[in-house]
Protein backbone atom coordinates (compact mmCIF):
# COMPACT_ATOMS: atom_id res chain seq x y z
CA MET A 1 144.65 88.68 126.97
CA ARG A 2 146.33 86.17 124.65
CA SER A 3 149.74 87.81 125.18
CA ARG A 4 149.39 87.66 128.97
CA ALA A 5 148.56 83.96 128.76
CA LEU A 6 151.65 83.38 126.59
CA ILE A 7 153.88 85.12 129.13
CA TRP A 8 152.51 83.06 132.01
CA LEU A 9 152.88 79.87 129.98
CA ALA A 10 156.50 80.75 129.18
CA ALA A 11 157.17 81.50 132.86
CA ILE A 12 155.71 78.16 133.93
CA ILE A 13 157.77 76.31 131.31
CA VAL A 14 160.98 78.10 132.32
CA LEU A 15 160.45 77.50 136.04
CA SER A 16 159.44 73.89 135.44
CA SER A 17 162.53 73.25 133.36
CA LEU A 18 164.71 74.84 136.06
CA GLN A 19 163.27 72.56 138.72
CA THR A 20 163.69 69.42 136.62
CA SER A 21 167.01 70.08 134.92
CA ARG A 22 170.18 68.33 136.04
CA ALA A 23 171.68 71.66 137.12
CA PHE A 24 168.97 71.98 139.77
CA ALA A 25 168.66 68.33 140.79
CA ASP A 26 169.67 69.09 144.39
CA VAL A 27 167.67 72.29 144.70
CA SER A 28 164.17 72.25 146.10
CA THR A 29 163.70 75.94 146.94
CA PHE A 30 164.62 79.43 145.88
CA THR A 31 166.71 81.65 148.15
CA LEU A 32 167.17 85.41 148.05
CA ALA A 33 170.31 86.30 146.11
CA LYS A 34 172.72 88.47 148.10
CA ASP A 35 174.35 90.13 145.12
CA PRO A 36 175.82 93.58 144.48
CA ALA A 37 174.16 96.42 142.61
CA TYR A 38 174.15 96.03 138.82
CA VAL A 39 174.04 98.00 135.63
CA THR A 40 172.13 95.92 133.08
CA ILE A 41 172.27 96.43 129.34
CA SER A 42 169.60 94.64 127.32
CA GLY A 43 168.78 94.25 123.67
CA GLY A 44 165.92 92.45 122.03
CA TYR A 45 162.79 92.31 119.95
CA PHE A 46 159.84 94.62 120.76
CA ASP A 47 156.15 93.82 120.09
CA TYR A 48 156.89 90.27 118.96
CA VAL A 49 153.41 88.91 119.76
CA ARG A 50 151.15 91.38 117.92
CA GLY A 51 153.69 92.59 115.39
CA ASN A 52 152.06 96.05 115.00
CA ASP A 53 155.15 98.17 115.61
CA THR A 54 158.03 95.76 115.90
CA GLY A 55 161.54 97.02 116.40
CA ALA A 56 164.77 96.51 118.21
CA GLU A 57 164.65 97.53 121.86
CA ILE A 58 167.66 98.60 123.89
CA SER A 59 167.40 99.10 127.62
CA LEU A 60 169.61 100.35 130.43
CA GLU A 61 168.83 99.53 134.06
CA TYR A 62 170.28 100.25 137.46
CA ARG A 63 169.46 97.40 139.87
CA SER A 64 170.17 98.40 143.47
CA ASP A 65 171.50 96.07 146.15
CA TYR A 66 169.44 97.91 148.77
CA GLU A 67 166.90 95.52 150.27
CA LEU A 68 163.30 96.45 151.04
CA GLY A 69 162.31 93.23 152.74
CA TRP A 70 162.48 90.66 149.94
CA PHE A 71 162.59 93.28 147.19
CA LYS A 72 165.21 95.54 145.60
CA PRO A 73 164.52 98.82 143.77
CA PHE A 74 165.55 99.42 140.17
CA ALA A 75 165.26 102.12 137.52
CA HIS A 76 165.14 101.61 133.77
CA GLY A 77 165.02 103.42 130.48
CA ALA A 78 164.37 101.89 127.08
CA TYR A 79 164.41 103.03 123.47
CA VAL A 80 162.74 101.18 120.60
CA THR A 81 163.90 101.76 117.02
CA ASN A 82 160.32 102.65 116.06
CA GLY A 83 160.73 105.82 118.18
CA MET A 84 158.97 104.78 121.39
CA THR A 85 160.65 105.39 124.74
CA PHE A 86 159.99 104.07 128.24
CA LEU A 87 161.22 105.37 131.59
CA GLY A 88 160.33 103.91 134.97
CA ALA A 89 161.25 102.52 138.36
CA GLY A 90 160.00 99.63 140.40
CA LEU A 91 160.82 96.59 142.49
CA LEU A 92 162.44 93.27 141.66
CA LEU A 93 162.85 89.98 143.45
CA ASP A 94 166.29 88.40 143.09
CA LEU A 95 165.85 84.64 143.55
CA GLN A 96 168.82 82.29 143.51
CA VAL A 97 168.43 78.70 142.37
CA GLY A 98 171.43 76.50 143.06
CA ASP A 99 174.84 78.15 142.94
CA ASN A 100 174.67 80.09 139.69
CA TRP A 101 171.09 80.59 138.47
CA ILE A 102 168.98 83.66 139.15
CA VAL A 103 165.24 84.00 138.50
CA GLN A 104 164.14 87.61 138.68
CA PRO A 105 160.53 88.80 138.40
CA SER A 106 160.06 92.57 138.44
CA PHE A 107 157.33 95.18 138.20
CA ALA A 108 157.56 98.90 137.39
CA PRO A 109 155.19 101.77 136.67
CA THR A 110 156.57 103.24 133.45
CA TRP A 111 156.14 106.44 131.48
CA TRP A 112 155.60 105.70 127.76
CA ARG A 113 156.26 108.18 125.01
CA ASP A 114 155.25 107.78 121.37
CA LYS A 115 157.62 110.15 119.59
CA SER A 116 155.54 110.86 116.52
CA GLY A 117 151.98 109.68 117.16
CA GLN A 118 152.09 107.68 113.94
CA PHE A 119 152.23 104.15 115.31
CA ASP A 120 149.61 101.45 114.91
CA LEU A 121 150.29 100.39 118.49
CA ASP A 122 148.63 102.94 120.76
CA LEU A 123 149.27 101.78 124.31
CA GLY A 124 146.32 103.91 125.46
CA SER A 125 147.98 105.89 128.24
CA ALA A 126 151.27 107.58 129.08
CA LEU A 127 151.28 105.55 132.31
CA GLU A 128 152.15 101.92 131.62
CA PHE A 129 153.08 99.00 133.87
CA ARG A 130 155.94 96.69 132.97
CA SER A 131 156.20 93.17 134.32
CA ARG A 132 159.28 91.14 133.49
CA LEU A 133 160.64 87.67 134.14
CA GLU A 134 164.36 87.09 133.71
CA VAL A 135 166.38 83.89 134.00
CA ALA A 136 170.13 84.49 134.24
CA TYR A 137 173.35 82.60 134.78
CA ARG A 138 175.63 84.24 137.35
CA PHE A 139 179.35 83.78 136.78
CA GLU A 140 181.94 83.58 139.58
CA ASN A 141 182.83 87.27 139.09
CA LYS A 142 179.11 88.11 139.67
CA PHE A 143 178.48 89.08 136.04
CA ARG A 144 175.14 87.78 134.78
CA LEU A 145 173.93 86.71 131.34
CA GLY A 146 170.20 86.22 131.01
CA VAL A 147 167.08 86.22 128.88
CA SER A 148 163.82 87.88 129.77
CA ILE A 149 160.29 88.43 128.59
CA THR A 150 158.35 91.59 129.39
CA HIS A 151 154.74 92.60 129.19
CA THR A 152 153.83 96.28 129.20
CA SER A 153 150.26 97.56 129.44
CA ASN A 154 148.24 100.28 131.14
CA ALA A 155 146.21 97.80 133.26
CA SER A 156 143.00 99.15 131.69
CA THR A 157 143.58 102.68 133.01
CA GLY A 158 143.55 104.16 129.48
CA ASP A 159 141.18 104.36 126.52
CA THR A 160 142.62 101.16 125.05
CA ASN A 161 144.84 98.49 126.56
CA PRO A 162 146.51 96.44 123.82
CA GLY A 163 149.73 95.80 125.74
CA THR A 164 152.97 94.72 124.16
CA GLU A 165 155.74 92.23 124.78
CA ALA A 166 159.49 92.11 124.33
CA VAL A 167 162.06 89.34 124.51
CA MET A 168 165.51 90.47 125.60
CA LEU A 169 169.09 89.31 126.07
CA ASN A 170 170.54 90.87 129.26
CA VAL A 171 174.09 91.48 130.45
CA SER A 172 174.39 92.57 134.09
CA VAL A 173 177.67 94.07 135.33
CA PRO A 174 178.34 94.72 139.03
CA THR A 175 178.63 98.46 139.67
CA SER A 176 181.91 97.81 141.51
CA MET A 177 183.46 97.25 138.05
CA PHE A 178 182.95 100.98 137.33
CA VAL A 179 184.76 102.20 140.46
CA LEU A 180 188.37 103.23 140.08
CA PRO A 181 190.77 101.62 142.57
């Protein structure tokens, strides 16, 4: 419960600072970003709140430009140096603030795998749910550089529900950069 409160507090601080910073002085609302599909590579620190099974996390995501109302689908896979893996798909909301800032909450059901069964952090179920909040700067060429915080837990569907958090640095590259002319 403490970790969830920390994530919400961080989200409120980030959003408050966006609304009050000079970069957003003329912005009073969010708009839906009309951006291309992305491949996102992330790296960061896993289980930073509890510290039971910390490690470096690397993640690869495909973020579609297909719109389902306000939402866009995405798929992700992650590996943690402690041997855990995550694989899932979900929906994100791509919100533009001003000309260059993107705020992106997302949610995904995720399959969790503990490679060896030896970890102190038992997430309680193979089915986990990942919520993430990213704040990114979008450059003129549509590349994005952002930071995010994630919370992963089984939403009390398993025997235990300790949850875990990660803080990540994200680089998003438009998929058009991978197409040969």
